[in-house]
């Protein structure tokens, strides 16, 4: 019986470590995509990758409003979406995923901290000004 309990505790610990590692990998992936999009937005048409991009990020997009609750720092996915919205050539890519836009708007809540809210407002501003809001995305907010 003790072996079963010990094995169960080991499995739970490994599961938590896997979840944490997956989250770190996901965060780094979103940050690298942000860098790539910032660097190549004016020269590469990313629209042909939109279906695979949005499909792979769907669960993260759906969870975005929950990840910003009382979050001190902006989630990497929010930074990625803000990046896409900030380049007029990439707004058609964003238009392929209504869920992404809806998720960002759902981040506007009483539990949203100022850094995150600033990113949400820059995202909206970029959409309203066709990506030409004049903001630089190298801010660490």
N, C-alpha and C. Protein backbone atom coordinates (compact mmCIF):
# COMPACT_ATOMS: atom_id res chain seq x y z
N UNK A 1 0.83 -1.19 0.00
CA UNK A 1 0.00 0.00 0.00
C UNK A 1 0.88 1.27 0.00
N UNK A 2 1.96 1.24 0.82
CA UNK A 2 2.86 2.40 0.86
C UNK A 2 3.52 2.62 -0.49
N UNK A 3 3.86 1.54 -1.19
CA UNK A 3 4.47 1.67 -2.52
C UNK A 3 3.52 2.34 -3.49
N UNK A 4 2.24 1.99 -3.42
CA UNK A 4 1.25 2.59 -4.31
C UNK A 4 1.13 4.09 -4.04
N UNK A 5 1.12 4.46 -2.76
CA UNK A 5 1.03 5.88 -2.40
C UNK A 5 2.30 6.61 -2.83
N UNK A 6 3.45 6.01 -2.60
CA UNK A 6 4.71 6.63 -3.00
C UNK A 6 4.77 6.80 -4.51
N UNK A 7 4.35 5.78 -5.28
CA UNK A 7 4.34 5.88 -6.74
C UNK A 7 3.38 6.95 -7.20
N UNK A 8 2.22 7.05 -6.54
CA UNK A 8 1.24 8.06 -6.91
C UNK A 8 1.80 9.46 -6.66
N UNK A 9 2.49 9.65 -5.54
CA UNK A 9 3.11 10.95 -5.24
C UNK A 9 4.21 11.29 -6.25
N UNK A 10 5.00 10.30 -6.64
CA UNK A 10 6.03 10.51 -7.66
C UNK A 10 5.41 10.93 -8.98
N UNK A 11 4.32 10.27 -9.37
CA UNK A 11 3.65 10.59 -10.63
C UNK A 11 3.09 12.00 -10.59
N UNK A 12 2.54 12.41 -9.45
CA UNK A 12 2.00 13.76 -9.33
C UNK A 12 3.13 14.78 -9.43
N UNK A 13 4.26 14.51 -8.79
CA UNK A 13 5.40 15.43 -8.85
C UNK A 13 5.92 15.54 -10.27
N UNK A 14 6.07 14.40 -10.96
CA UNK A 14 6.52 14.41 -12.36
C UNK A 14 5.53 15.15 -13.24
N UNK A 15 4.24 14.97 -12.98
CA UNK A 15 3.22 15.66 -13.77
C UNK A 15 3.31 17.17 -13.59
N UNK A 16 3.53 17.61 -12.35
CA UNK A 16 3.67 19.05 -12.10
C UNK A 16 4.91 19.60 -12.78
N UNK A 17 6.01 18.85 -12.75
CA UNK A 17 7.23 19.29 -13.41
C UNK A 17 7.04 19.36 -14.92
N UNK A 18 6.34 18.37 -15.49
CA UNK A 18 6.06 18.38 -16.93
C UNK A 18 5.21 19.59 -17.30
N UNK A 19 4.20 19.88 -16.49
CA UNK A 19 3.33 21.01 -16.76
C UNK A 19 4.11 22.31 -16.70
N UNK A 20 4.97 22.45 -15.70
CA UNK A 20 5.79 23.65 -15.57
C UNK A 20 6.75 23.79 -16.75
N UNK A 21 7.37 22.68 -17.15
CA UNK A 21 8.29 22.71 -18.28
C UNK A 21 7.55 23.04 -19.57
N UNK A 22 6.35 22.48 -19.75
CA UNK A 22 5.56 22.78 -20.95
C UNK A 22 5.19 24.26 -20.99
N UNK A 23 4.86 24.82 -19.83
CA UNK A 23 4.54 26.25 -19.77
C UNK A 23 5.73 27.11 -20.14
N UNK A 24 6.90 26.72 -19.68
CA UNK A 24 8.11 27.47 -20.00
C UNK A 24 8.43 27.40 -21.49
N UNK A 25 8.26 26.22 -22.06
CA UNK A 25 8.51 26.05 -23.50
C UNK A 25 7.52 26.87 -24.31
N UNK A 26 6.26 26.86 -23.88
CA UNK A 26 5.22 27.63 -24.57
C UNK A 26 5.55 29.12 -24.49
N UNK A 27 5.94 29.59 -23.32
CA UNK A 27 6.29 31.01 -23.15
C UNK A 27 7.45 31.40 -24.06
N UNK A 28 8.49 30.60 -24.06
CA UNK A 28 9.64 30.89 -24.93
C UNK A 28 9.26 30.86 -26.40
N UNK A 29 8.38 29.95 -26.77
CA UNK A 29 7.92 29.87 -28.17
C UNK A 29 7.18 31.14 -28.57
N UNK A 30 6.29 31.61 -27.70
CA UNK A 30 5.55 32.84 -28.01
C UNK A 30 6.50 34.03 -28.10
N UNK A 31 7.49 34.08 -27.23
CA UNK A 31 8.44 35.19 -27.28
C UNK A 31 9.29 35.15 -28.55
N UNK A 32 9.71 33.96 -28.98
CA UNK A 32 10.49 33.85 -30.22
C UNK A 32 9.63 34.21 -31.42
N UNK A 33 8.38 33.78 -31.44
CA UNK A 33 7.49 34.16 -32.53
C UNK A 33 7.32 35.67 -32.58
N UNK A 34 7.22 36.28 -31.42
CA UNK A 34 7.12 37.75 -31.37
C UNK A 34 8.35 38.39 -32.00
N UNK A 35 9.52 37.89 -31.65
CA UNK A 35 10.76 38.41 -32.24
C UNK A 35 10.79 38.22 -33.75
N UNK A 36 10.40 37.04 -34.21
CA UNK A 36 10.39 36.75 -35.65
C UNK A 36 9.42 37.67 -36.37
N UNK A 37 8.21 37.82 -35.82
CA UNK A 37 7.22 38.68 -36.46
C UNK A 37 7.67 40.13 -36.48
N UNK A 38 8.26 40.60 -35.39
CA UNK A 38 8.77 41.98 -35.37
C UNK A 38 9.84 42.19 -36.43
N UNK A 39 10.71 41.20 -36.57
CA UNK A 39 11.84 41.34 -37.49
C UNK A 39 11.43 41.22 -38.95
N UNK A 40 10.49 40.32 -39.25
CA UNK A 40 10.19 40.01 -40.65
C UNK A 40 8.79 40.41 -41.12
N UNK A 41 8.05 41.15 -40.31
CA UNK A 41 6.67 41.52 -40.67
C UNK A 41 6.58 42.25 -42.01
N UNK A 42 7.56 43.06 -42.30
CA UNK A 42 7.49 43.85 -43.52
C UNK A 42 7.99 43.10 -44.76
N UNK A 43 8.63 41.95 -44.57
CA UNK A 43 9.20 41.25 -45.71
C UNK A 43 8.63 39.85 -45.96
N UNK A 44 7.97 39.26 -44.98
CA UNK A 44 7.44 37.90 -45.13
C UNK A 44 5.93 37.92 -44.97
N UNK A 45 5.25 37.19 -45.85
CA UNK A 45 3.81 37.05 -45.74
C UNK A 45 3.52 35.82 -44.88
N UNK A 46 3.13 36.06 -43.64
CA UNK A 46 2.88 34.97 -42.70
C UNK A 46 1.47 34.41 -42.83
N UNK A 47 0.65 34.99 -43.69
CA UNK A 47 -0.74 34.57 -43.83
C UNK A 47 -0.87 33.11 -44.22
N UNK A 48 0.09 32.59 -44.99
CA UNK A 48 0.00 31.20 -45.42
C UNK A 48 0.21 30.22 -44.26
N UNK A 49 0.70 30.71 -43.14
CA UNK A 49 0.89 29.87 -41.96
C UNK A 49 -0.23 30.04 -40.93
N UNK A 50 -1.22 30.85 -41.25
CA UNK A 50 -2.23 31.22 -40.25
C UNK A 50 -3.01 30.04 -39.69
N UNK A 51 -3.42 29.12 -40.54
CA UNK A 51 -4.23 28.00 -40.06
C UNK A 51 -3.47 27.17 -39.03
N UNK A 52 -2.22 26.83 -39.34
CA UNK A 52 -1.42 26.04 -38.40
C UNK A 52 -1.08 26.84 -37.14
N UNK A 53 -0.81 28.11 -37.31
CA UNK A 53 -0.47 28.96 -36.17
C UNK A 53 -1.64 29.02 -35.18
N UNK A 54 -2.82 29.36 -35.67
CA UNK A 54 -3.97 29.52 -34.79
C UNK A 54 -4.42 28.18 -34.21
N UNK A 55 -4.30 27.13 -34.99
CA UNK A 55 -4.69 25.80 -34.48
C UNK A 55 -3.77 25.39 -33.33
N UNK A 56 -2.48 25.63 -33.46
CA UNK A 56 -1.53 25.24 -32.41
C UNK A 56 -1.67 26.10 -31.16
N UNK A 57 -2.18 27.31 -31.28
CA UNK A 57 -2.29 28.21 -30.14
C UNK A 57 -3.70 28.28 -29.56
N UNK A 58 -4.62 27.52 -30.11
CA UNK A 58 -6.03 27.66 -29.72
C UNK A 58 -6.26 27.53 -28.22
N UNK A 59 -5.72 26.49 -27.60
CA UNK A 59 -5.98 26.30 -26.16
C UNK A 59 -5.38 27.44 -25.34
N UNK A 60 -4.25 27.96 -25.75
CA UNK A 60 -3.64 29.09 -25.04
C UNK A 60 -4.47 30.36 -25.22
N UNK A 61 -5.01 30.54 -26.40
CA UNK A 61 -5.85 31.72 -26.66
C UNK A 61 -7.11 31.67 -25.81
N UNK A 62 -7.74 30.52 -25.75
CA UNK A 62 -8.95 30.37 -24.95
C UNK A 62 -8.65 30.64 -23.47
N UNK A 63 -7.49 30.23 -23.00
CA UNK A 63 -7.11 30.40 -21.59
C UNK A 63 -6.57 31.79 -21.27
N UNK A 64 -6.28 32.61 -22.27
CA UNK A 64 -5.64 33.91 -22.03
C UNK A 64 -6.35 34.77 -20.98
N UNK A 65 -7.66 34.95 -21.05
CA UNK A 65 -8.31 35.80 -20.03
C UNK A 65 -8.08 35.32 -18.60
N UNK A 66 -7.98 34.03 -18.41
CA UNK A 66 -7.73 33.49 -17.07
C UNK A 66 -6.28 33.68 -16.63
N UNK A 67 -5.36 33.75 -17.58
CA UNK A 67 -3.95 33.90 -17.22
C UNK A 67 -3.59 35.31 -16.80
N UNK A 68 -4.43 36.28 -17.12
CA UNK A 68 -4.12 37.66 -16.75
C UNK A 68 -4.72 38.08 -15.42
N UNK A 69 -5.53 37.23 -14.82
CA UNK A 69 -6.16 37.57 -13.55
C UNK A 69 -5.07 37.82 -12.51
N UNK A 70 -5.01 39.05 -12.04
CA UNK A 70 -4.03 39.50 -11.04
C UNK A 70 -2.58 39.26 -11.45
N UNK A 71 -2.31 39.09 -12.74
CA UNK A 71 -0.94 38.88 -13.21
C UNK A 71 -0.18 40.20 -13.19
N UNK A 72 1.00 40.17 -12.60
CA UNK A 72 1.84 41.37 -12.55
C UNK A 72 2.44 41.68 -13.91
N UNK A 73 2.82 40.64 -14.65
CA UNK A 73 3.46 40.82 -15.95
C UNK A 73 2.56 40.33 -17.07
N UNK A 74 2.79 40.88 -18.23
CA UNK A 74 1.99 40.53 -19.39
C UNK A 74 2.36 39.14 -19.89
N UNK A 75 1.37 38.27 -20.10
CA UNK A 75 1.67 36.94 -20.65
C UNK A 75 2.31 37.05 -22.03
N UNK A 76 3.17 36.11 -22.34
CA UNK A 76 3.88 36.13 -23.62
C UNK A 76 2.91 36.05 -24.80
N UNK A 77 1.80 35.35 -24.64
CA UNK A 77 0.81 35.28 -25.72
C UNK A 77 0.22 36.66 -25.99
N UNK A 78 -0.05 37.42 -24.94
CA UNK A 78 -0.57 38.78 -25.12
C UNK A 78 0.44 39.63 -25.88
N UNK A 79 1.71 39.49 -25.57
CA UNK A 79 2.75 40.23 -26.29
C UNK A 79 2.76 39.84 -27.76
N UNK A 80 2.60 38.55 -28.03
CA UNK A 80 2.57 38.08 -29.42
C UNK A 80 1.38 38.67 -30.17
N UNK A 81 0.22 38.65 -29.56
CA UNK A 81 -0.97 39.20 -30.21
C UNK A 81 -0.84 40.70 -30.42
N UNK A 82 -0.25 41.39 -29.46
CA UNK A 82 -0.01 42.82 -29.61
C UNK A 82 0.95 43.08 -30.77
N UNK A 83 1.97 42.25 -30.88
CA UNK A 83 2.93 42.37 -31.98
C UNK A 83 2.22 42.23 -33.33
N UNK A 84 1.39 41.22 -33.45
CA UNK A 84 0.67 40.99 -34.70
C UNK A 84 -0.20 42.20 -35.04
N UNK A 85 -0.90 42.72 -34.04
CA UNK A 85 -1.78 43.87 -34.27
C UNK A 85 -1.01 45.14 -34.62
N UNK A 86 0.24 45.23 -34.20
CA UNK A 86 1.01 46.45 -34.39
C UNK A 86 1.60 46.59 -35.79
N UNK A 87 1.51 45.56 -36.60
CA UNK A 87 2.03 45.61 -37.97
C UNK A 87 0.86 45.53 -38.95
N UNK A 88 0.66 46.59 -39.70
CA UNK A 88 -0.48 46.62 -40.61
C UNK A 88 -0.46 45.45 -41.59
N UNK A 89 0.72 44.97 -41.95
CA UNK A 89 0.80 43.84 -42.87
C UNK A 89 0.38 42.52 -42.22
N UNK A 90 0.31 42.50 -40.88
CA UNK A 90 -0.03 41.26 -40.19
C UNK A 90 -1.45 41.25 -39.64
N UNK A 91 -2.15 42.35 -39.72
CA UNK A 91 -3.53 42.39 -39.23
C UNK A 91 -4.40 41.37 -39.96
N UNK A 92 -4.22 41.13 -41.27
CA UNK A 92 -5.00 40.05 -41.91
C UNK A 92 -4.76 38.68 -41.26
N UNK A 93 -3.58 38.45 -40.74
CA UNK A 93 -3.29 37.21 -40.02
C UNK A 93 -4.15 37.14 -38.77
N UNK A 94 -4.23 38.23 -38.06
CA UNK A 94 -5.04 38.29 -36.85
C UNK A 94 -6.53 38.15 -37.18
N UNK A 95 -6.92 38.64 -38.33
CA UNK A 95 -8.33 38.54 -38.74
C UNK A 95 -8.76 37.10 -39.00
N UNK A 96 -7.81 36.19 -39.12
CA UNK A 96 -8.12 34.78 -39.34
C UNK A 96 -8.56 34.08 -38.06
N UNK A 97 -8.43 34.73 -36.92
CA UNK A 97 -8.75 34.10 -35.63
C UNK A 97 -9.54 35.07 -34.76
N UNK A 98 -10.86 35.02 -34.90
CA UNK A 98 -11.71 35.87 -34.06
C UNK A 98 -11.52 35.60 -32.58
N UNK A 99 -11.25 34.33 -32.24
CA UNK A 99 -11.06 33.97 -30.83
C UNK A 99 -9.92 34.74 -30.18
N UNK A 100 -8.88 35.04 -30.95
CA UNK A 100 -7.75 35.78 -30.39
C UNK A 100 -8.17 37.20 -30.01
N UNK A 101 -8.90 37.84 -30.88
CA UNK A 101 -9.36 39.21 -30.61
C UNK A 101 -10.32 39.21 -29.43
N UNK A 102 -11.23 38.26 -29.41
CA UNK A 102 -12.20 38.16 -28.32
C UNK A 102 -11.48 37.91 -27.00
N UNK A 103 -10.46 37.04 -27.01
CA UNK A 103 -9.72 36.73 -25.79
C UNK A 103 -9.05 37.97 -25.22
N UNK A 104 -8.49 38.80 -26.10
CA UNK A 104 -7.84 40.03 -25.62
C UNK A 104 -8.87 40.96 -24.99
N UNK A 105 -10.03 41.09 -25.61
CA UNK A 105 -11.08 41.95 -25.04
C UNK A 105 -11.58 41.40 -23.71
N UNK A 106 -11.59 40.10 -23.56
CA UNK A 106 -12.02 39.49 -22.29
C UNK A 106 -11.00 39.75 -21.18
N UNK A 107 -9.80 40.17 -21.54
CA UNK A 107 -8.79 40.48 -20.54
C UNK A 107 -9.07 41.80 -19.82
N UNK A 108 -10.02 42.56 -20.33
CA UNK A 108 -10.40 43.81 -19.68
C UNK A 108 -11.34 43.45 -18.53
N UNK A 109 -10.80 43.52 -17.34
CA UNK A 109 -11.57 43.13 -16.15
C UNK A 109 -11.03 43.88 -14.93
N UNK A 110 -11.79 43.83 -13.87
CA UNK A 110 -11.38 44.48 -12.64
C UNK A 110 -10.15 43.86 -12.01
N UNK A 111 -9.84 42.63 -12.38
CA UNK A 111 -8.68 41.94 -11.81
C UNK A 111 -7.43 42.10 -12.66
N UNK A 112 -7.53 42.85 -13.75
CA UNK A 112 -6.38 43.04 -14.64
C UNK A 112 -5.50 44.17 -14.13
N UNK A 113 -4.22 43.88 -13.98
CA UNK A 113 -3.26 44.86 -13.47
C UNK A 113 -2.85 45.83 -14.58
N UNK A 114 -2.24 46.93 -14.18
CA UNK A 114 -1.94 48.03 -15.10
C UNK A 114 -1.04 47.62 -16.27
N UNK A 115 0.02 46.85 -16.02
CA UNK A 115 0.93 46.45 -17.11
C UNK A 115 0.16 45.68 -18.18
N UNK A 116 -0.67 44.76 -17.75
CA UNK A 116 -1.44 43.95 -18.70
C UNK A 116 -2.46 44.83 -19.41
N UNK A 117 -3.12 45.69 -18.66
CA UNK A 117 -4.13 46.57 -19.27
C UNK A 117 -3.50 47.48 -20.32
N UNK A 118 -2.29 47.95 -20.07
CA UNK A 118 -1.60 48.78 -21.06
C UNK A 118 -1.39 48.00 -22.36
N UNK A 119 -1.02 46.73 -22.25
CA UNK A 119 -0.85 45.91 -23.45
C UNK A 119 -2.17 45.71 -24.18
N UNK A 120 -3.23 45.48 -23.43
CA UNK A 120 -4.56 45.31 -24.03
C UNK A 120 -4.94 46.58 -24.78
N UNK A 121 -4.73 47.73 -24.16
CA UNK A 121 -5.10 49.00 -24.79
C UNK A 121 -4.24 49.29 -26.02
N UNK A 122 -2.95 48.92 -25.97
CA UNK A 122 -2.10 49.09 -27.17
C UNK A 122 -2.57 48.17 -28.30
N UNK A 123 -3.00 46.97 -27.95
CA UNK A 123 -3.54 46.04 -28.94
C UNK A 123 -4.75 46.67 -29.63
N UNK A 124 -5.67 47.19 -28.84
CA UNK A 124 -6.89 47.80 -29.38
C UNK A 124 -6.52 49.03 -30.21
N UNK A 125 -5.61 49.85 -29.70
CA UNK A 125 -5.17 51.04 -30.43
C UNK A 125 -4.58 50.66 -31.78
N UNK A 126 -3.78 49.60 -31.80
CA UNK A 126 -3.17 49.15 -33.06
C UNK A 126 -4.23 48.71 -34.06
N UNK A 127 -5.25 48.02 -33.58
CA UNK A 127 -6.33 47.60 -34.48
C UNK A 127 -7.08 48.81 -35.03
N UNK A 128 -7.30 49.80 -34.18
CA UNK A 128 -8.06 50.98 -34.61
C UNK A 128 -7.26 51.87 -35.54
N UNK A 129 -5.94 51.82 -35.45
CA UNK A 129 -5.10 52.68 -36.27
C UNK A 129 -4.37 51.88 -37.35
N UNK A 130 -4.87 50.68 -37.65
CA UNK A 130 -4.30 49.82 -38.68
C UNK A 130 -2.84 49.49 -38.42
N UNK A 131 -2.51 49.27 -37.16
CA UNK A 131 -1.16 48.87 -36.80
C UNK A 131 -0.16 49.99 -36.71
N UNK A 132 -0.58 51.21 -36.97
CA UNK A 132 0.35 52.34 -36.99
C UNK A 132 0.13 53.26 -35.80
N UNK A 133 0.18 52.69 -34.60
CA UNK A 133 -0.07 53.51 -33.42
C UNK A 133 1.16 54.27 -32.95
N UNK A 134 2.32 53.96 -33.53
CA UNK A 134 3.54 54.66 -33.17
C UNK A 134 4.19 54.12 -31.91
N UNK A 135 3.65 53.06 -31.32
CA UNK A 135 4.24 52.47 -30.13
C UNK A 135 5.37 51.52 -30.52
N UNK A 136 6.37 51.47 -29.70
CA UNK A 136 7.42 50.48 -29.91
C UNK A 136 7.12 49.27 -29.06
N UNK A 137 7.38 48.10 -29.58
CA UNK A 137 7.05 46.88 -28.87
C UNK A 137 8.20 46.34 -28.06
N UNK A 138 9.28 47.06 -27.98
CA UNK A 138 10.41 46.59 -27.20
C UNK A 138 10.30 46.97 -25.74
N UNK A 139 9.11 47.41 -25.35
CA UNK A 139 8.89 47.73 -23.95
C UNK A 139 8.70 46.45 -23.18
N UNK A 140 9.18 46.40 -21.99
CA UNK A 140 9.07 45.18 -21.17
C UNK A 140 7.85 45.29 -20.25
N UNK A 141 6.69 45.52 -20.84
CA UNK A 141 5.46 45.59 -20.05
C UNK A 141 4.55 44.48 -20.42
